[in-house]
């Protein structure tokens, strides 16, 4: 399994705080059945400087740990981008890592962002030549109908990521119906862990995928795994 959304590299955002915590999270990811992780620290273009050199240095140390301990893990560079007015320019100037060097970029919004703001932002990313992946779509109150998500996919090729932990915990009735509609209409592309720290926000991909299969069937699970591999497989 490939995890496209993870904050396990220490010292660059609100994820892992220490090298030792990163190593524990790597152990957990490997034990969880993940064999490829795209490391996606938070980036806020034009507002908060991102320590990319430190990130790359720590990413390399994490890779050395994986090799030293014989973990079956491949680590890739990426980012979770909080959309700002500078995002498109930073993408054009290659100042923001894409997901594993692909045209896909992981984009997040504030939970209370208006639908028009989200639409406009995704259009701007797409117009720059990239494919936007909406990070943890279940968090945005303005996106609450499957028709809205289908429109974004049609207009700007937007893709959808849902957190594995969302599949495990019980959802409020209305939000649960919305998620049901997303999965039953094939509007979810990726499941990811959004790993931050131990305990409580560590990798839970296997448990999440098992919950997905129980609720929506093995065909949905296999489709998501297959499409993730097609987009990000080595």
C-alpha atoms as a PDB file:
ATOM      1  CA  UNK A   1       0.000   0.000   0.000  1.00  0.00           C
ATOM      2  CA  UNK A   2       1.072   3.576  -0.714  1.00  0.00           C
ATOM      3  CA  UNK A   3       0.378   6.333   1.820  1.00  0.00           C
ATOM      4  CA  UNK A   4       0.204   9.664  -0.023  1.00  0.00           C
ATOM      5  CA  UNK A   5      -0.342  11.902   3.054  1.00  0.00           C
ATOM      6  CA  UNK A   6       1.947  11.706   6.076  1.00  0.00           C
ATOM      7  CA  UNK A   7       3.692  14.077   8.477  1.00  0.00           C
ATOM      8  CA  UNK A   8       6.240  11.643   9.873  1.00  0.00           C
ATOM      9  CA  UNK A   9       9.395  13.670   9.096  1.00  0.00           C
ATOM     10  CA  UNK A  10      10.431  15.471  12.257  1.00  0.00           C
ATOM     11  CA  UNK A  11      11.142  19.117  12.832  1.00  0.00           C
ATOM     12  CA  UNK A  12       9.364  20.718   9.864  1.00  0.00           C
ATOM     13  CA  UNK A  13       5.702  21.098  10.855  1.00  0.00           C
ATOM     14  CA  UNK A  14       3.186  19.908  13.459  1.00  0.00           C
ATOM     15  CA  UNK A  15       3.955  16.243  12.830  1.00  0.00           C
ATOM     16  CA  UNK A  16       6.802  14.258  14.367  1.00  0.00           C
ATOM     17  CA  UNK A  17       8.833  16.356  16.787  1.00  0.00           C
ATOM     18  CA  UNK A  18      11.991  14.272  17.158  1.00  0.00           C
ATOM     19  CA  UNK A  19      14.119  11.905  15.119  1.00  0.00           C
ATOM     20  CA  UNK A  20      13.220   9.075  17.482  1.00  0.00           C
ATOM     21  CA  UNK A  21       9.516   9.725  16.954  1.00  0.00           C
ATOM     22  CA  UNK A  22      10.022   9.598  13.180  1.00  0.00           C
ATOM     23  CA  UNK A  23      11.750   6.258  13.509  1.00  0.00           C
ATOM     24  CA  UNK A  24       8.871   4.895  15.607  1.00  0.00           C
ATOM     25  CA  UNK A  25       6.376   6.121  13.017  1.00  0.00           C
ATOM     26  CA  UNK A  26       8.373   4.427  10.258  1.00  0.00           C
ATOM     27  CA  UNK A  27       8.322   1.165  12.209  1.00  0.00           C
ATOM     28  CA  UNK A  28       4.573   1.550  12.619  1.00  0.00           C
ATOM     29  CA  UNK A  29       3.991   2.260   8.930  1.00  0.00           C
ATOM     30  CA  UNK A  30       5.925  -0.837   7.883  1.00  0.00           C
ATOM     31  CA  UNK A  31       4.059  -2.982  10.418  1.00  0.00           C
ATOM     32  CA  UNK A  32       0.808  -1.523   9.068  1.00  0.00           C
ATOM     33  CA  UNK A  33       1.436  -3.005   5.624  1.00  0.00           C
ATOM     34  CA  UNK A  34       2.559   0.215   3.937  1.00  0.00           C
ATOM     35  CA  UNK A  35       5.510  -0.084   1.596  1.00  0.00           C
ATOM     36  CA  UNK A  36       5.629   3.449   0.169  1.00  0.00           C
ATOM     37  CA  UNK A  37       5.147   6.766   1.979  1.00  0.00           C
ATOM     38  CA  UNK A  38       4.946  10.188   0.384  1.00  0.00           C
ATOM     39  CA  UNK A  39       6.077  12.583   3.108  1.00  0.00           C
ATOM     40  CA  UNK A  40       3.881  15.684   2.985  1.00  0.00           C
ATOM     41  CA  UNK A  41       4.807  18.443   5.440  1.00  0.00           C
ATOM     42  CA  UNK A  42       2.511  21.454   5.657  1.00  0.00           C
ATOM     43  CA  UNK A  43       3.410  24.334   3.324  1.00  0.00           C
ATOM     44  CA  UNK A  44       1.704  27.745   3.288  1.00  0.00           C
ATOM     45  CA  UNK A  45       3.068  29.452   0.142  1.00  0.00           C
ATOM     46  CA  UNK A  46       3.970  33.110   0.519  1.00  0.00           C
ATOM     47  CA  UNK A  47       2.905  33.279   4.162  1.00  0.00           C
ATOM     48  CA  UNK A  48       5.182  31.030   6.184  1.00  0.00           C
ATOM     49  CA  UNK A  49       8.693  30.070   4.991  1.00  0.00           C
ATOM     50  CA  UNK A  50       9.144  26.335   4.529  1.00  0.00           C
ATOM     51  CA  UNK A  51      12.491  24.824   5.674  1.00  0.00           C
ATOM     52  CA  UNK A  52      12.942  22.645   2.606  1.00  0.00           C
ATOM     53  CA  UNK A  53      16.660  22.037   3.137  1.00  0.00           C
ATOM     54  CA  UNK A  54      15.993  20.799   6.669  1.00  0.00           C
ATOM     55  CA  UNK A  55      13.128  18.646   5.373  1.00  0.00           C
ATOM     56  CA  UNK A  56      15.340  17.031   2.718  1.00  0.00           C
ATOM     57  CA  UNK A  57      18.113  16.457   5.263  1.00  0.00           C
ATOM     58  CA  UNK A  58      15.723  14.787   7.700  1.00  0.00           C
ATOM     59  CA  UNK A  59      14.091  12.804   4.881  1.00  0.00           C
ATOM     60  CA  UNK A  60      17.505  11.413   3.951  1.00  0.00           C
ATOM     61  CA  UNK A  61      18.182  10.433   7.569  1.00  0.00           C
ATOM     62  CA  UNK A  62      14.817   8.657   7.608  1.00  0.00           C
ATOM     63  CA  UNK A  63      15.793   6.778   4.442  1.00  0.00           C
ATOM     64  CA  UNK A  64      19.069   5.765   6.068  1.00  0.00           C
ATOM     65  CA  UNK A  65      17.117   4.407   9.052  1.00  0.00           C
ATOM     66  CA  UNK A  66      14.854   2.415   6.723  1.00  0.00           C
ATOM     67  CA  UNK A  67      17.878   0.908   4.993  1.00  0.00           C
ATOM     68  CA  UNK A  68      19.722   0.225   8.247  1.00  0.00           C
ATOM     69  CA  UNK A  69      16.768  -1.593   9.792  1.00  0.00           C
ATOM     70  CA  UNK A  70      15.687  -3.405   6.599  1.00  0.00           C
ATOM     71  CA  UNK A  71      12.204  -1.943   6.641  1.00  0.00           C
ATOM     72  CA  UNK A  72      10.217  -2.532   3.472  1.00  0.00           C
ATOM     73  CA  UNK A  73       9.548   1.170   2.966  1.00  0.00           C
ATOM     74  CA  UNK A  74      10.190   3.621   0.170  1.00  0.00           C
ATOM     75  CA  UNK A  75      10.082   7.291   1.162  1.00  0.00           C
ATOM     76  CA  UNK A  76       9.205  10.060  -1.308  1.00  0.00           C
ATOM     77  CA  UNK A  77       9.112  13.846  -1.163  1.00  0.00           C
ATOM     78  CA  UNK A  78       5.799  15.672  -1.248  1.00  0.00           C
ATOM     79  CA  UNK A  79       3.838  18.431   0.464  1.00  0.00           C
ATOM     80  CA  UNK A  80       0.415  19.277   1.826  1.00  0.00           C
ATOM     81  CA  UNK A  81      -0.295  22.777   0.530  1.00  0.00           C
ATOM     82  CA  UNK A  82      -2.640  25.099   2.367  1.00  0.00           C
ATOM     83  CA  UNK A  83      -3.952  27.060  -0.604  1.00  0.00           C
ATOM     84  CA  UNK A  84      -2.973  30.749  -0.751  1.00  0.00           C
ATOM     85  CA  UNK A  85      -2.857  33.368  -3.487  1.00  0.00           C
ATOM     86  CA  UNK A  86       0.826  32.464  -4.006  1.00  0.00           C
ATOM     87  CA  UNK A  87       0.259  28.743  -4.575  1.00  0.00           C
ATOM     88  CA  UNK A  88       0.050  28.775  -8.383  1.00  0.00           C
ATOM     89  CA  UNK A  89       3.178  30.935  -8.696  1.00  0.00           C
ATOM     90  CA  UNK A  90       5.130  28.722  -6.303  1.00  0.00           C
ATOM     91  CA  UNK A  91       4.087  25.645  -8.290  1.00  0.00           C
ATOM     92  CA  UNK A  92       5.164  27.234 -11.584  1.00  0.00           C
ATOM     93  CA  UNK A  93       8.513  28.167 -10.039  1.00  0.00           C
ATOM     94  CA  UNK A  94       8.944  24.603  -8.682  1.00  0.00           C
ATOM     95  CA  UNK A  95       9.224  25.906  -5.134  1.00  0.00           C
ATOM     96  CA  UNK A  96       6.732  23.330  -3.843  1.00  0.00           C
ATOM     97  CA  UNK A  97       7.260  19.563  -4.083  1.00  0.00           C
ATOM     98  CA  UNK A  98       4.557  17.647  -5.909  1.00  0.00           C
ATOM     99  CA  UNK A  99       3.517  14.170  -4.776  1.00  0.00           C
ATOM    100  CA  UNK A 100       6.496  11.911  -5.529  1.00  0.00           C
ATOM    101  CA  UNK A 101       7.518  14.098  -8.460  1.00  0.00           C
ATOM    102  CA  UNK A 102       4.222  13.609 -10.332  1.00  0.00           C
ATOM    103  CA  UNK A 103       1.754  16.229 -11.592  1.00  0.00           C
ATOM    104  CA  UNK A 104      -0.455  15.555  -8.557  1.00  0.00           C
ATOM    105  CA  UNK A 105      -0.408  18.116  -5.722  1.00  0.00           C
ATOM    106  CA  UNK A 106      -2.050  17.666  -2.328  1.00  0.00           C
ATOM    107  CA  UNK A 107      -4.108  20.769  -1.503  1.00  0.00           C
ATOM    108  CA  UNK A 108      -5.908  21.571   1.734  1.00  0.00           C
ATOM    109  CA  UNK A 109      -8.234  24.362   2.789  1.00  0.00           C
ATOM    110  CA  UNK A 110      -9.501  25.823   6.021  1.00  0.00           C
ATOM    111  CA  UNK A 111     -12.463  23.774   7.276  1.00  0.00           C
ATOM    112  CA  UNK A 112     -14.878  26.687   6.877  1.00  0.00           C
ATOM    113  CA  UNK A 113     -13.754  27.687   3.355  1.00  0.00           C
ATOM    114  CA  UNK A 114     -16.621  28.620   1.055  1.00  0.00           C
ATOM    115  CA  UNK A 115     -17.428  26.406  -1.917  1.00  0.00           C
ATOM    116  CA  UNK A 116     -16.628  29.233  -4.346  1.00  0.00           C
ATOM    117  CA  UNK A 117     -13.179  29.632  -2.789  1.00  0.00           C
ATOM    118  CA  UNK A 118     -12.458  25.931  -3.124  1.00  0.00           C
ATOM    119  CA  UNK A 119     -13.663  25.835  -6.729  1.00  0.00           C
ATOM    120  CA  UNK A 120     -11.567  28.856  -7.690  1.00  0.00           C
ATOM    121  CA  UNK A 121      -8.445  27.519  -5.972  1.00  0.00           C
ATOM    122  CA  UNK A 122      -8.666  24.113  -7.639  1.00  0.00           C
ATOM    123  CA  UNK A 123      -9.224  25.777 -11.010  1.00  0.00           C
ATOM    124  CA  UNK A 124      -6.084  27.891 -10.530  1.00  0.00           C
ATOM    125  CA  UNK A 125      -4.005  24.839  -9.619  1.00  0.00           C
ATOM    126  CA  UNK A 126      -5.302  22.951 -12.636  1.00  0.00           C
ATOM    127  CA  UNK A 127      -4.675  25.938 -14.940  1.00  0.00           C
ATOM    128  CA  UNK A 128      -1.051  25.911 -13.792  1.00  0.00           C
ATOM    129  CA  UNK A 129      -0.674  22.397 -15.206  1.00  0.00           C
ATOM    130  CA  UNK A 130      -1.147  20.256 -12.112  1.00  0.00           C
ATOM    131  CA  UNK A 131      -3.823  17.851 -10.898  1.00  0.00           C
ATOM    132  CA  UNK A 132      -5.196  18.886  -7.496  1.00  0.00           C
ATOM    133  CA  UNK A 133      -5.776  16.227  -4.860  1.00  0.00           C
ATOM    134  CA  UNK A 134      -8.169  17.483  -2.185  1.00  0.00           C
ATOM    135  CA  UNK A 135      -6.672  16.534   1.189  1.00  0.00           C
ATOM    136  CA  UNK A 136      -9.088  14.940   3.695  1.00  0.00           C
ATOM    137  CA  UNK A 137     -12.176  16.141   1.841  1.00  0.00           C
ATOM    138  CA  UNK A 138     -14.398  15.016   4.714  1.00  0.00           C
ATOM    139  CA  UNK A 139     -13.319  18.067   6.752  1.00  0.00           C
ATOM    140  CA  UNK A 140     -14.839  20.795   4.595  1.00  0.00           C
ATOM    141  CA  UNK A 141     -18.339  21.830   5.534  1.00  0.00           C
ATOM    142  CA  UNK A 142     -18.935  23.518   2.149  1.00  0.00           C
ATOM    143  CA  UNK A 143     -18.465  20.213   0.340  1.00  0.00           C
ATOM    144  CA  UNK A 144     -21.508  18.228   1.389  1.00  0.00           C
ATOM    145  CA  UNK A 145     -23.069  16.859  -1.805  1.00  0.00           C
ATOM    146  CA  UNK A 146     -21.740  14.271  -4.210  1.00  0.00           C
ATOM    147  CA  UNK A 147     -22.773  16.434  -7.168  1.00  0.00           C
ATOM    148  CA  UNK A 148     -20.347  19.136  -6.018  1.00  0.00           C
ATOM    149  CA  UNK A 149     -17.463  16.680  -5.916  1.00  0.00           C
ATOM    150  CA  UNK A 150     -18.407  15.169  -9.284  1.00  0.00           C
ATOM    151  CA  UNK A 151     -18.407  18.674 -10.787  1.00  0.00           C
ATOM    152  CA  UNK A 152     -14.908  19.378  -9.476  1.00  0.00           C
ATOM    153  CA  UNK A 153     -13.653  16.125 -10.964  1.00  0.00           C
ATOM    154  CA  UNK A 154     -15.178  16.969 -14.334  1.00  0.00           C
ATOM    155  CA  UNK A 155     -14.050  20.596 -14.487  1.00  0.00           C
ATOM    156  CA  UNK A 156     -10.505  20.448 -13.096  1.00  0.00           C
ATOM    157  CA  UNK A 157      -9.745  16.700 -12.774  1.00  0.00           C
ATOM    158  CA  UNK A 158      -9.753  17.121  -8.983  1.00  0.00           C
ATOM    159  CA  UNK A 159      -9.021  13.948  -7.064  1.00  0.00           C
ATOM    160  CA  UNK A 160     -10.207  13.106  -3.551  1.00  0.00           C
ATOM    161  CA  UNK A 161      -8.293  11.807  -0.537  1.00  0.00           C
ATOM    162  CA  UNK A 162     -10.043  10.532   2.604  1.00  0.00           C
ATOM    163  CA  UNK A 163      -8.263   9.760   5.887  1.00  0.00           C
ATOM    164  CA  UNK A 164      -8.154   6.113   6.942  1.00  0.00           C
ATOM    165  CA  UNK A 165      -9.179   7.067  10.474  1.00  0.00           C
ATOM    166  CA  UNK A 166     -12.401   8.560   9.106  1.00  0.00           C
ATOM    167  CA  UNK A 167     -13.402   5.090   7.923  1.00  0.00           C
ATOM    168  CA  UNK A 168     -12.794   3.601  11.358  1.00  0.00           C
ATOM    169  CA  UNK A 169     -14.678   6.007  13.583  1.00  0.00           C
ATOM    170  CA  UNK A 170     -18.449   6.454  13.542  1.00  0.00           C
ATOM    171  CA  UNK A 171     -19.532   9.535  11.561  1.00  0.00           C
ATOM    172  CA  UNK A 172     -22.484  11.859  12.311  1.00  0.00           C
ATOM    173  CA  UNK A 173     -25.540  10.735  10.353  1.00  0.00           C
ATOM    174  CA  UNK A 174     -25.558  13.445   7.664  1.00  0.00           C
ATOM    175  CA  UNK A 175     -21.792  13.315   7.132  1.00  0.00           C
ATOM    176  CA  UNK A 176     -21.956   9.532   7.035  1.00  0.00           C
ATOM    177  CA  UNK A 177     -24.544   9.665   4.246  1.00  0.00           C
ATOM    178  CA  UNK A 178     -22.287  12.034   2.290  1.00  0.00           C
ATOM    179  CA  UNK A 179     -19.314   9.668   2.610  1.00  0.00           C
ATOM    180  CA  UNK A 180     -21.519   6.759   1.551  1.00  0.00           C
ATOM    181  CA  UNK A 181     -22.431   8.674  -1.595  1.00  0.00           C
ATOM    182  CA  UNK A 182     -18.789   9.437  -2.375  1.00  0.00           C
ATOM    183  CA  UNK A 183     -17.719   5.818  -2.171  1.00  0.00           C
ATOM    184  CA  UNK A 184     -20.756   4.364  -3.909  1.00  0.00           C
ATOM    185  CA  UNK A 185     -20.335   6.818  -6.805  1.00  0.00           C
ATOM    186  CA  UNK A 186     -16.588   6.140  -7.155  1.00  0.00           C
ATOM    187  CA  UNK A 187     -15.663   9.689  -6.159  1.00  0.00           C
ATOM    188  CA  UNK A 188     -12.882   8.756  -3.714  1.00  0.00           C
ATOM    189  CA  UNK A 189      -9.461   8.134  -5.238  1.00  0.00           C
ATOM    190  CA  UNK A 190      -7.043   7.740  -2.330  1.00  0.00           C
ATOM    191  CA  UNK A 191      -7.058   6.597   1.290  1.00  0.00           C
ATOM    192  CA  UNK A 192      -4.168   7.936   3.388  1.00  0.00           C
ATOM    193  CA  UNK A 193      -3.146   8.031   7.029  1.00  0.00           C
ATOM    194  CA  UNK A 194      -2.437  11.749   7.620  1.00  0.00           C
ATOM    195  CA  UNK A 195       0.020  10.449  10.212  1.00  0.00           C
ATOM    196  CA  UNK A 196       1.228  13.056  12.695  1.00  0.00           C
ATOM    197  CA  UNK A 197       2.412  11.506  15.942  1.00  0.00           C
ATOM    198  CA  UNK A 198       2.149   8.707  18.463  1.00  0.00           C
ATOM    199  CA  UNK A 199      -0.162   7.934  20.125  1.00  0.00           C
ATOM    200  CA  UNK A 200      -3.456   8.686  18.449  1.00  0.00           C
ATOM    201  CA  UNK A 201      -2.493   9.825  14.953  1.00  0.00           C
ATOM    202  CA  UNK A 202      -0.194   7.017  13.873  1.00  0.00           C
ATOM    203  CA  UNK A 203      -0.616   4.859  10.782  1.00  0.00           C
ATOM    204  CA  UNK A 204      -3.884   2.909  10.631  1.00  0.00           C
ATOM    205  CA  UNK A 205      -4.082   2.070   6.936  1.00  0.00           C
ATOM    206  CA  UNK A 206      -4.834  -1.641   7.285  1.00  0.00           C
ATOM    207  CA  UNK A 207      -7.626  -1.049   9.787  1.00  0.00           C
ATOM    208  CA  UNK A 208      -9.050   1.703   7.594  1.00  0.00           C
ATOM    209  CA  UNK A 209      -8.955  -0.397   4.427  1.00  0.00           C
ATOM    210  CA  UNK A 210     -10.566  -3.312   6.250  1.00  0.00           C
ATOM    211  CA  UNK A 211     -13.358  -0.989   7.414  1.00  0.00           C
ATOM    212  CA  UNK A 212     -13.712   0.254   3.835  1.00  0.00           C
ATOM    213  CA  UNK A 213     -14.120  -3.296   2.558  1.00  0.00           C
ATOM    214  CA  UNK A 214     -16.641  -4.231   5.225  1.00  0.00           C
ATOM    215  CA  UNK A 215     -18.844  -1.257   4.414  1.00  0.00           C
ATOM    216  CA  UNK A 216     -18.468  -0.871   0.640  1.00  0.00           C
ATOM    217  CA  UNK A 217     -17.123  -4.206  -0.579  1.00  0.00           C
ATOM    218  CA  UNK A 218     -13.870  -5.617  -1.865  1.00  0.00           C
ATOM    219  CA  UNK A 219     -14.333  -4.104  -5.339  1.00  0.00           C
ATOM    220  CA  UNK A 220     -14.156  -0.558  -3.904  1.00  0.00           C
ATOM    221  CA  UNK A 221     -11.071  -1.428  -1.882  1.00  0.00           C
ATOM    222  CA  UNK A 222      -9.316  -2.982  -4.867  1.00  0.00           C
ATOM    223  CA  UNK A 223     -10.216  -0.063  -7.139  1.00  0.00           C
ATOM    224  CA  UNK A 224      -8.671   2.453  -4.755  1.00  0.00           C
ATOM    225  CA  UNK A 225      -5.523   0.372  -4.273  1.00  0.00           C
ATOM    226  CA  UNK A 226      -5.214  -0.113  -8.021  1.00  0.00           C
ATOM    227  CA  UNK A 227      -5.688   3.558  -8.855  1.00  0.00           C
ATOM    228  CA  UNK A 228      -3.220   4.639  -6.178  1.00  0.00           C
ATOM    229  CA  UNK A 229      -0.632   2.288  -7.615  1.00  0.00           C
ATOM    230  CA  UNK A 230      -1.317   3.580 -11.134  1.00  0.00           C
ATOM    231  CA  UNK A 231      -0.725   7.182 -10.027  1.00  0.00           C
ATOM    232  CA  UNK A 232       2.173   6.722  -7.622  1.00  0.00           C
ATOM    233  CA  UNK A 233       3.574   3.224  -8.046  1.00  0.00           C
ATOM    234  CA  UNK A 234       7.314   3.010  -8.601  1.00  0.00           C
END
